[in-house]
Amino acid sequence: MAQPAFLSSLRSRLCSAPPPPPNHRLQPRRGYHVELGAREKALLEEDVALKRFKSYKNSVKQVSKIGNALTLAVVLACSYELAVLATSTK
């Protein structure tokens, strides 16, 4: 029984061995460490002039917690109202 040409070519492509992986020793996973220059070190130092513009992390966290609590309260109130409405119509 003869097989169509496209089936035999498909089978040969599927059965052939995958290409070998590239040699990993030629390309290091991480780049080489380069010491920071004077400009980079100066940019990474803490600047006293910018200290007053520092983010207020504690107040941001507190506002976020209040918002989460209010959202939860609204969701609970809506689900309660839906439950009351569903039981009262029966």
PDB file of N, CA and C in Angstrom:
ATOM      1  N   MET A   1       0.846  -1.171   0.000  1.00  0.00           N
ATOM      2  CA  MET A   1       0.000   0.000   0.000  1.00  0.00           C
ATOM      3  C   MET A   1       0.897   1.243   0.000  1.00  0.00           C
ATOM      4  N   ALA A   2       0.684   2.102  -0.916  1.00  0.00           N
ATOM      5  CA  ALA A   2       1.519   3.293  -1.059  1.00  0.00           C
ATOM      6  C   ALA A   2       1.003   4.402  -0.149  1.00  0.00           C
ATOM      7  N   GLN A   3       1.953   5.147   0.415  1.00  0.00           N
ATOM      8  CA  GLN A   3       1.587   6.260   1.285  1.00  0.00           C
ATOM      9  C   GLN A   3       1.745   7.562   0.515  1.00  0.00           C
ATOM     10  N   PRO A   4       0.886   8.513   0.828  1.00  0.00           N
ATOM     11  CA  PRO A   4       1.059   9.809   0.172  1.00  0.00           C
ATOM     12  C   PRO A   4       2.411  10.421   0.552  1.00  0.00           C
ATOM     13  N   ALA A   5       2.919  11.242  -0.323  1.00  0.00           N
ATOM     14  CA  ALA A   5       4.252  11.817  -0.136  1.00  0.00           C
ATOM     15  C   ALA A   5       4.312  12.732   1.082  1.00  0.00           C
ATOM     16  N   PHE A   6       3.248  13.467   1.333  1.00  0.00           N
ATOM     17  CA  PHE A   6       3.297  14.401   2.459  1.00  0.00           C
ATOM     18  C   PHE A   6       3.339  13.657   3.794  1.00  0.00           C
ATOM     19  N   LEU A   7       2.724  12.467   3.892  1.00  0.00           N
ATOM     20  CA  LEU A   7       2.783  11.701   5.132  1.00  0.00           C
ATOM     21  C   LEU A   7       4.186  11.166   5.396  1.00  0.00           C
ATOM     22  N   SER A   8       4.841  10.696   4.350  1.00  0.00           N
ATOM     23  CA  SER A   8       6.188  10.173   4.554  1.00  0.00           C
ATOM     24  C   SER A   8       7.166  11.286   4.912  1.00  0.00           C
ATOM     25  N   SER A   9       7.014  12.464   4.316  1.00  0.00           N
ATOM     26  CA  SER A   9       7.906  13.573   4.657  1.00  0.00           C
ATOM     27  C   SER A   9       7.626  14.079   6.064  1.00  0.00           C
ATOM     28  N   LEU A  10       6.352  14.059   6.460  1.00  0.00           N
ATOM     29  CA  LEU A  10       5.996  14.479   7.810  1.00  0.00           C
ATOM     30  C   LEU A  10       6.560  13.504   8.831  1.00  0.00           C
ATOM     31  N   ARG A  11       6.451  12.209   8.557  1.00  0.00           N
ATOM     32  CA  ARG A  11       6.976  11.201   9.470  1.00  0.00           C
ATOM     33  C   ARG A  11       8.498  11.307   9.581  1.00  0.00           C
ATOM     34  N   SER A  12       9.163  11.577   8.482  1.00  0.00           N
ATOM     35  CA  SER A  12      10.624  11.683   8.535  1.00  0.00           C
ATOM     36  C   SER A  12      11.056  12.916   9.328  1.00  0.00           C
ATOM     37  N   ARG A  13      10.294  13.999   9.243  1.00  0.00           N
ATOM     38  CA  ARG A  13      10.626  15.195  10.024  1.00  0.00           C
ATOM     39  C   ARG A  13      10.376  14.974  11.510  1.00  0.00           C
ATOM     40  N   LEU A  14       9.313  14.256  11.848  1.00  0.00           N
ATOM     41  CA  LEU A  14       9.002  14.010  13.254  1.00  0.00           C
ATOM     42  C   LEU A  14       9.966  13.010  13.878  1.00  0.00           C
ATOM     43  N   CYS A  15      10.421  12.043  13.123  1.00  0.00           N
ATOM     44  CA  CYS A  15      11.297  11.005  13.658  1.00  0.00           C
ATOM     45  C   CYS A  15      12.761  11.405  13.661  1.00  0.00           C
ATOM     46  N   SER A  16      13.116  12.444  12.957  1.00  0.00           N
ATOM     47  CA  SER A  16      14.524  12.834  12.909  1.00  0.00           C
ATOM     48  C   SER A  16      14.953  13.401  14.263  1.00  0.00           C
ATOM     49  N   ALA A  17      16.227  13.274  14.551  1.00  0.00           N
ATOM     50  CA  ALA A  17      16.762  13.729  15.836  1.00  0.00           C
ATOM     51  C   ALA A  17      16.764  15.255  15.882  1.00  0.00           C
ATOM     52  N   PRO A  18      16.492  15.821  17.075  1.00  0.00           N
ATOM     53  CA  PRO A  18      16.522  17.284  17.187  1.00  0.00           C
ATOM     54  C   PRO A  18      17.952  17.785  17.031  1.00  0.00           C
ATOM     55  N   PRO A  19      18.110  19.043  16.618  1.00  0.00           N
ATOM     56  CA  PRO A  19      19.461  19.585  16.447  1.00  0.00           C
ATOM     57  C   PRO A  19      20.167  19.649  17.793  1.00  0.00           C
ATOM     58  N   PRO A  20      21.478  19.468  17.805  1.00  0.00           N
ATOM     59  CA  PRO A  20      22.212  19.503  19.076  1.00  0.00           C
ATOM     60  C   PRO A  20      22.159  20.901  19.678  1.00  0.00           C
ATOM     61  N   PRO A  21      22.119  21.004  21.013  1.00  0.00           N
ATOM     62  CA  PRO A  21      22.077  22.325  21.645  1.00  0.00           C
ATOM     63  C   PRO A  21      23.388  23.064  21.412  1.00  0.00           C
ATOM     64  N   PRO A  22      23.336  24.390  21.397  1.00  0.00           N
ATOM     65  CA  PRO A  22      24.576  25.155  21.202  1.00  0.00           C
ATOM     66  C   PRO A  22      25.508  24.947  22.388  1.00  0.00           C
ATOM     67  N   ASN A  23      26.776  25.152  22.138  1.00  0.00           N
ATOM     68  CA  ASN A  23      27.779  24.956  23.171  1.00  0.00           C
ATOM     69  C   ASN A  23      27.640  26.063  24.216  1.00  0.00           C
ATOM     70  N   HIS A  24      27.285  25.685  25.449  1.00  0.00           N
ATOM     71  CA  HIS A  24      27.053  26.679  26.493  1.00  0.00           C
ATOM     72  C   HIS A  24      28.346  27.261  27.047  1.00  0.00           C
ATOM     73  N   ARG A  25      29.448  26.603  26.799  1.00  0.00           N
ATOM     74  CA  ARG A  25      30.700  27.114  27.335  1.00  0.00           C
ATOM     75  C   ARG A  25      31.174  28.352  26.585  1.00  0.00           C
ATOM     76  N   LEU A  26      30.662  28.522  25.375  1.00  0.00           N
ATOM     77  CA  LEU A  26      31.081  29.685  24.601  1.00  0.00           C
ATOM     78  C   LEU A  26      30.396  30.955  25.086  1.00  0.00           C
ATOM     79  N   GLN A  27      29.150  30.828  25.610  1.00  0.00           N
ATOM     80  CA  GLN A  27      28.408  31.985  26.061  1.00  0.00           C
ATOM     81  C   GLN A  27      28.147  31.859  27.558  1.00  0.00           C
ATOM     82  N   PRO A  28      28.770  32.700  28.377  1.00  0.00           N
ATOM     83  CA  PRO A  28      28.533  32.619  29.811  1.00  0.00           C
ATOM     84  C   PRO A  28      27.111  33.062  30.139  1.00  0.00           C
ATOM     85  N   ARG A  29      26.547  32.499  31.190  1.00  0.00           N
ATOM     86  CA  ARG A  29      25.190  32.836  31.588  1.00  0.00           C
ATOM     87  C   ARG A  29      25.115  34.256  32.138  1.00  0.00           C
ATOM     88  N   ARG A  30      26.134  34.678  32.853  1.00  0.00           N
ATOM     89  CA  ARG A  30      26.164  36.025  33.421  1.00  0.00           C
ATOM     90  C   ARG A  30      27.296  36.810  32.784  1.00  0.00           C
ATOM     91  N   GLY A  31      27.109  38.104  32.719  1.00  0.00           N
ATOM     92  CA  GLY A  31      28.163  38.946  32.178  1.00  0.00           C
ATOM     93  C   GLY A  31      29.312  39.056  33.157  1.00  0.00           C
ATOM     94  N   TYR A  32      30.424  39.487  32.691  1.00  0.00           N
ATOM     95  CA  TYR A  32      31.583  39.653  33.544  1.00  0.00           C
ATOM     96  C   TYR A  32      31.385  40.867  34.436  1.00  0.00           C
ATOM     97  N   HIS A  33      31.876  40.778  35.668  1.00  0.00           N
ATOM     98  CA  HIS A  33      31.732  41.886  36.606  1.00  0.00           C
ATOM     99  C   HIS A  33      32.689  43.007  36.232  1.00  0.00           C
ATOM    100  N   VAL A  34      32.150  44.201  36.167  1.00  0.00           N
ATOM    101  CA  VAL A  34      32.950  45.379  35.875  1.00  0.00           C
ATOM    102  C   VAL A  34      32.791  46.317  37.060  1.00  0.00           C
ATOM    103  N   GLU A  35      33.894  46.804  37.573  1.00  0.00           N
ATOM    104  CA  GLU A  35      33.858  47.705  38.725  1.00  0.00           C
ATOM    105  C   GLU A  35      33.183  49.013  38.325  1.00  0.00           C
ATOM    106  N   LEU A  36      32.351  49.557  39.247  1.00  0.00           N
ATOM    107  CA  LEU A  36      31.663  50.807  38.981  1.00  0.00           C
ATOM    108  C   LEU A  36      32.644  51.966  38.935  1.00  0.00           C
ATOM    109  N   GLY A  37      32.351  52.921  38.078  1.00  0.00           N
ATOM    110  CA  GLY A  37      33.178  54.104  37.983  1.00  0.00           C
ATOM    111  C   GLY A  37      32.799  55.130  39.034  1.00  0.00           C
ATOM    112  N   ALA A  38      33.487  56.234  39.050  1.00  0.00           N
ATOM    113  CA  ALA A  38      33.242  57.285  40.048  1.00  0.00           C
ATOM    114  C   ALA A  38      31.849  57.886  39.879  1.00  0.00           C
ATOM    115  N   ARG A  39      31.412  58.064  38.626  1.00  0.00           N
ATOM    116  CA  ARG A  39      30.097  58.660  38.374  1.00  0.00           C
ATOM    117  C   ARG A  39      28.973  57.752  38.862  1.00  0.00           C
ATOM    118  N   GLU A  40      29.100  56.451  38.590  1.00  0.00           N
ATOM    119  CA  GLU A  40      28.080  55.505  39.025  1.00  0.00           C
ATOM    120  C   GLU A  40      28.008  55.433  40.546  1.00  0.00           C
ATOM    121  N   LYS A  41      29.164  55.441  41.189  1.00  0.00           N
ATOM    122  CA  LYS A  41      29.190  55.410  42.651  1.00  0.00           C
ATOM    123  C   LYS A  41      28.551  56.666  43.229  1.00  0.00           C
ATOM    124  N   ALA A  42      28.808  57.820  42.607  1.00  0.00           N
ATOM    125  CA  ALA A  42      28.211  59.068  43.081  1.00  0.00           C
ATOM    126  C   ALA A  42      26.699  59.046  42.895  1.00  0.00           C
ATOM    127  N   LEU A  43      26.225  58.454  41.813  1.00  0.00           N
ATOM    128  CA  LEU A  43      24.778  58.388  41.577  1.00  0.00           C
ATOM    129  C   LEU A  43      24.088  57.448  42.557  1.00  0.00           C
ATOM    130  N   LEU A  44      24.783  56.429  43.025  1.00  0.00           N
ATOM    131  CA  LEU A  44      24.185  55.476  43.956  1.00  0.00           C
ATOM    132  C   LEU A  44      24.207  55.939  45.404  1.00  0.00           C
ATOM    133  N   GLU A  45      24.973  56.953  45.710  1.00  0.00           N
ATOM    134  CA  GLU A  45      25.022  57.469  47.074  1.00  0.00           C
ATOM    135  C   GLU A  45      23.731  58.205  47.405  1.00  0.00           C
ATOM    136  N   GLU A  46      23.408  58.248  48.697  1.00  0.00           N
ATOM    137  CA  GLU A  46      22.197  58.939  49.140  1.00  0.00           C
ATOM    138  C   GLU A  46      22.412  60.450  49.057  1.00  0.00           C
ATOM    139  N   ASP A  47      21.439  61.144  48.468  1.00  0.00           N
ATOM    140  CA  ASP A  47      21.537  62.586  48.292  1.00  0.00           C
ATOM    141  C   ASP A  47      20.726  63.278  49.383  1.00  0.00           C
ATOM    142  N   VAL A  48      21.362  64.172  50.134  1.00  0.00           N
ATOM    143  CA  VAL A  48      20.707  64.858  51.239  1.00  0.00           C
ATOM    144  C   VAL A  48      19.646  65.830  50.720  1.00  0.00           C
ATOM    145  N   ALA A  49      19.882  66.446  49.567  1.00  0.00           N
ATOM    146  CA  ALA A  49      18.936  67.419  49.025  1.00  0.00           C
ATOM    147  C   ALA A  49      17.612  66.765  48.630  1.00  0.00           C
ATOM    148  N   LEU A  50      17.642  65.484  48.295  1.00  0.00           N
ATOM    149  CA  LEU A  50      16.423  64.798  47.866  1.00  0.00           C
ATOM    150  C   LEU A  50      15.709  64.090  49.008  1.00  0.00           C
ATOM    151  N   LYS A  51      16.240  64.203  50.209  1.00  0.00           N
ATOM    152  CA  LYS A  51      15.679  63.478  51.346  1.00  0.00           C
ATOM    153  C   LYS A  51      14.250  63.927  51.660  1.00  0.00           C
ATOM    154  N   ARG A  52      13.939  65.195  51.491  1.00  0.00           N
ATOM    155  CA  ARG A  52      12.600  65.681  51.837  1.00  0.00           C
ATOM    156  C   ARG A  52      11.545  65.215  50.831  1.00  0.00           C
ATOM    157  N   PHE A  53      11.953  64.752  49.645  1.00  0.00           N
ATOM    158  CA  PHE A  53      11.019  64.247  48.649  1.00  0.00           C
ATOM    159  C   PHE A  53      10.829  62.737  48.751  1.00  0.00           C
ATOM    160  N   LYS A  54      11.353  62.160  49.826  1.00  0.00           N
ATOM    161  CA  LYS A  54      11.288  60.715  50.009  1.00  0.00           C
ATOM    162  C   LYS A  54       9.832  60.277  50.126  1.00  0.00           C
ATOM    163  N   SER A  55       9.544  59.118  49.585  1.00  0.00           N
ATOM    164  CA  SER A  55       8.192  58.575  49.621  1.00  0.00           C
ATOM    165  C   SER A  55       7.785  58.271  51.061  1.00  0.00           C
ATOM    166  N   TYR A  56       6.539  58.512  51.357  1.00  0.00           N
ATOM    167  CA  TYR A  56       6.007  58.230  52.678  1.00  0.00           C
ATOM    168  C   TYR A  56       5.384  56.840  52.654  1.00  0.00           C
ATOM    169  N   LYS A  57       6.219  55.829  52.859  1.00  0.00           N
ATOM    170  CA  LYS A  57       5.771  54.449  52.710  1.00  0.00           C
ATOM    171  C   LYS A  57       4.705  54.069  53.726  1.00  0.00           C
ATOM    172  N   ASN A  58       4.867  54.493  54.953  1.00  0.00           N
ATOM    173  CA  ASN A  58       3.916  54.096  55.995  1.00  0.00           C
ATOM    174  C   ASN A  58       2.520  54.640  55.725  1.00  0.00           C
ATOM    175  N   SER A  59       2.442  55.897  55.315  1.00  0.00           N
ATOM    176  CA  SER A  59       1.127  56.481  55.051  1.00  0.00           C
ATOM    177  C   SER A  59       0.503  55.866  53.799  1.00  0.00           C
ATOM    178  N   VAL A  60       1.307  55.516  52.818  1.00  0.00           N
ATOM    179  CA  VAL A  60       0.788  54.876  51.613  1.00  0.00           C
ATOM    180  C   VAL A  60       0.242  53.493  51.954  1.00  0.00           C
ATOM    181  N   LYS A  61       0.952  52.748  52.800  1.00  0.00           N
ATOM    182  CA  LYS A  61       0.474  51.435  53.217  1.00  0.00           C
ATOM    183  C   LYS A  61      -0.830  51.553  53.998  1.00  0.00           C
ATOM    184  N   GLN A  62      -0.922  52.568  54.852  1.00  0.00           N
ATOM    185  CA  GLN A  62      -2.123  52.747  55.663  1.00  0.00           C
ATOM    186  C   GLN A  62      -3.322  53.084  54.783  1.00  0.00           C
ATOM    187  N   VAL A  63      -3.152  53.959  53.814  1.00  0.00           N
ATOM    188  CA  VAL A  63      -4.233  54.307  52.907  1.00  0.00           C
ATOM    189  C   VAL A  63      -4.648  53.093  52.087  1.00  0.00           C
ATOM    190  N   SER A  64      -3.682  52.274  51.687  1.00  0.00           N
ATOM    191  CA  SER A  64      -3.981  51.071  50.934  1.00  0.00           C
ATOM    192  C   SER A  64      -4.803  50.095  51.765  1.00  0.00           C
ATOM    193  N   LYS A  65      -4.450  49.939  53.042  1.00  0.00           N
ATOM    194  CA  LYS A  65      -5.211  49.045  53.917  1.00  0.00           C
ATOM    195  C   LYS A  65      -6.627  49.550  54.132  1.00  0.00           C
ATOM    196  N   ILE A  66      -6.803  50.862  54.292  1.00  0.00           N
ATOM    197  CA  ILE A  66      -8.134  51.441  54.463  1.00  0.00           C
ATOM    198  C   ILE A  66      -8.971  51.208  53.206  1.00  0.00           C
ATOM    199  N   GLY A  67      -8.360  51.387  52.039  1.00  0.00           N
ATOM    200  CA  GLY A  67      -9.070  51.149  50.778  1.00  0.00           C
ATOM    201  C   GLY A  67      -9.474  49.695  50.628  1.00  0.00           C
ATOM    202  N   ASN A  68      -8.596  48.778  51.017  1.00  0.00           N
ATOM    203  CA  ASN A  68      -8.934  47.356  50.942  1.00  0.00           C
ATOM    204  C   ASN A  68     -10.082  47.017  51.887  1.00  0.00           C
ATOM    205  N   ALA A  69     -10.078  47.599  53.090  1.00  0.00           N
ATOM    206  CA  ALA A  69     -11.150  47.345  54.048  1.00  0.00           C
ATOM    207  C   ALA A  69     -12.476  47.892  53.537  1.00  0.00           C
ATOM    208  N   LEU A  70     -12.458  49.080  52.953  1.00  0.00           N
ATOM    209  CA  LEU A  70     -13.690  49.655  52.413  1.00  0.00           C
ATOM    210  C   LEU A  70     -14.225  48.834  51.247  1.00  0.00           C
ATOM    211  N   THR A  71     -13.341  48.353  50.397  1.00  0.00           N
ATOM    212  CA  THR A  71     -13.758  47.514  49.279  1.00  0.00           C
ATOM    213  C   THR A  71     -14.399  46.233  49.788  1.00  0.00           C
ATOM    214  N   LEU A  72     -13.815  45.627  50.782  1.00  0.00           N
ATOM    215  CA  LEU A  72     -14.359  44.413  51.367  1.00  0.00           C
ATOM    216  C   LEU A  72     -15.730  44.678  51.976  1.00  0.00           C
ATOM    217  N   ALA A  73     -15.882  45.814  52.651  1.00  0.00           N
ATOM    218  CA  ALA A  73     -17.171  46.161  53.260  1.00  0.00           C
ATOM    219  C   ALA A  73     -18.247  46.334  52.199  1.00  0.00           C
ATOM    220  N   VAL A  74     -17.920  46.970  51.097  1.00  0.00           N
ATOM    221  CA  VAL A  74     -18.890  47.179  50.019  1.00  0.00           C
ATOM    222  C   VAL A  74     -19.281  45.843  49.394  1.00  0.00           C
ATOM    223  N   VAL A  75     -18.320  44.976  49.173  1.00  0.00           N
ATOM    224  CA  VAL A  75     -18.615  43.663  48.577  1.00  0.00           C
ATOM    225  C   VAL A  75     -19.511  42.851  49.513  1.00  0.00           C
ATOM    226  N   LEU A  76     -19.201  42.862  50.803  1.00  0.00           N
ATOM    227  CA  LEU A  76     -20.033  42.138  51.758  1.00  0.00           C
ATOM    228  C   LEU A  76     -21.443  42.704  51.827  1.00  0.00           C
ATOM    229  N   ALA A  77     -21.578  44.021  51.811  1.00  0.00           N
ATOM    230  CA  ALA A  77     -22.899  44.650  51.852  1.00  0.00           C
ATOM    231  C   ALA A  77     -23.711  44.293  50.608  1.00  0.00           C
ATOM    232  N   CYS A  78     -23.071  44.305  49.450  1.00  0.00           N
ATOM    233  CA  CYS A  78     -23.785  43.959  48.216  1.00  0.00           C
ATOM    234  C   CYS A  78     -24.227  42.498  48.223  1.00  0.00           C
ATOM    235  N   SER A  79     -23.341  41.619  48.678  1.00  0.00           N
ATOM    236  CA  SER A  79     -23.719  40.209  48.706  1.00  0.00           C
ATOM    237  C   SER A  79     -24.828  39.970  49.728  1.00  0.00           C
ATOM    238  N   TYR A  80     -24.826  40.685  50.852  1.00  0.00           N
ATOM    239  CA  TYR A  80     -25.900  40.578  51.832  1.00  0.00           C
ATOM    240  C   TYR A  80     -27.222  41.041  51.236  1.00  0.00           C
ATOM    241  N   GLU A  81     -27.195  42.167  50.543  1.00  0.00           N
ATOM    242  CA  GLU A  81     -28.423  42.686  49.917  1.00  0.00           C
ATOM    243  C   GLU A  81     -28.959  41.705  48.875  1.00  0.00           C
ATOM    244  N   LEU A  82     -28.064  41.096  48.103  1.00  0.00           N
ATOM    245  CA  LEU A  82     -28.512  40.117  47.109  1.00  0.00           C
ATOM    246  C   LEU A  82     -29.110  38.887  47.788  1.00  0.00           C
ATOM    247  N   ALA A  83     -28.511  38.454  48.882  1.00  0.00           N
ATOM    248  CA  ALA A  83     -29.047  37.308  49.608  1.00  0.00           C
ATOM    249  C   ALA A  83     -30.409  37.618  50.197  1.00  0.00           C
ATOM    250  N   VAL A  84     -30.592  38.811  50.759  1.00  0.00           N
ATOM    251  CA  VAL A  84     -31.882  39.217  51.321  1.00  0.00           C
ATOM    252  C   VAL A  84     -32.916  39.302  50.221  1.00  0.00           C
ATOM    253  N   LEU A  85     -32.539  39.849  49.087  1.00  0.00           N
ATOM    254  CA  LEU A  85     -33.458  39.985  47.961  1.00  0.00           C
ATOM    255  C   LEU A  85     -33.863  38.615  47.417  1.00  0.00           C
ATOM    256  N   ALA A  86     -32.912  37.690  47.354  1.00  0.00           N
ATOM    257  CA  ALA A  86     -33.201  36.344  46.835  1.00  0.00           C
ATOM    258  C   ALA A  86     -34.109  35.579  47.804  1.00  0.00           C
ATOM    259  N   THR A  87     -33.921  35.730  49.110  1.00  0.00           N
ATOM    260  CA  THR A  87     -34.752  34.989  50.054  1.00  0.00           C
ATOM    261  C   THR A  87     -36.126  35.607  50.209  1.00  0.00           C
ATOM    262  N   SER A  88     -36.237  36.917  50.011  1.00  0.00           N
ATOM    263  CA  SER A  88     -37.536  37.566  50.176  1.00  0.00           C
ATOM    264  C   SER A  88     -38.453  37.332  48.982  1.00  0.00           C
ATOM    265  N   THR A  89     -37.917  37.052  47.819  1.00  0.00           N
ATOM    266  CA  THR A  89     -38.764  36.816  46.632  1.00  0.00           C
ATOM    267  C   THR A  89     -39.300  35.400  46.582  1.00  0.00           C
ATOM    268  N   LYS A  90     -38.735  34.477  47.355  1.00  0.00           N
ATOM    269  CA  LYS A  90     -39.219  33.089  47.331  1.00  0.00           C
ATOM    270  C   LYS A  90     -40.477  32.918  48.065  1.00  0.00           C
TER     271      LYS A  90
END
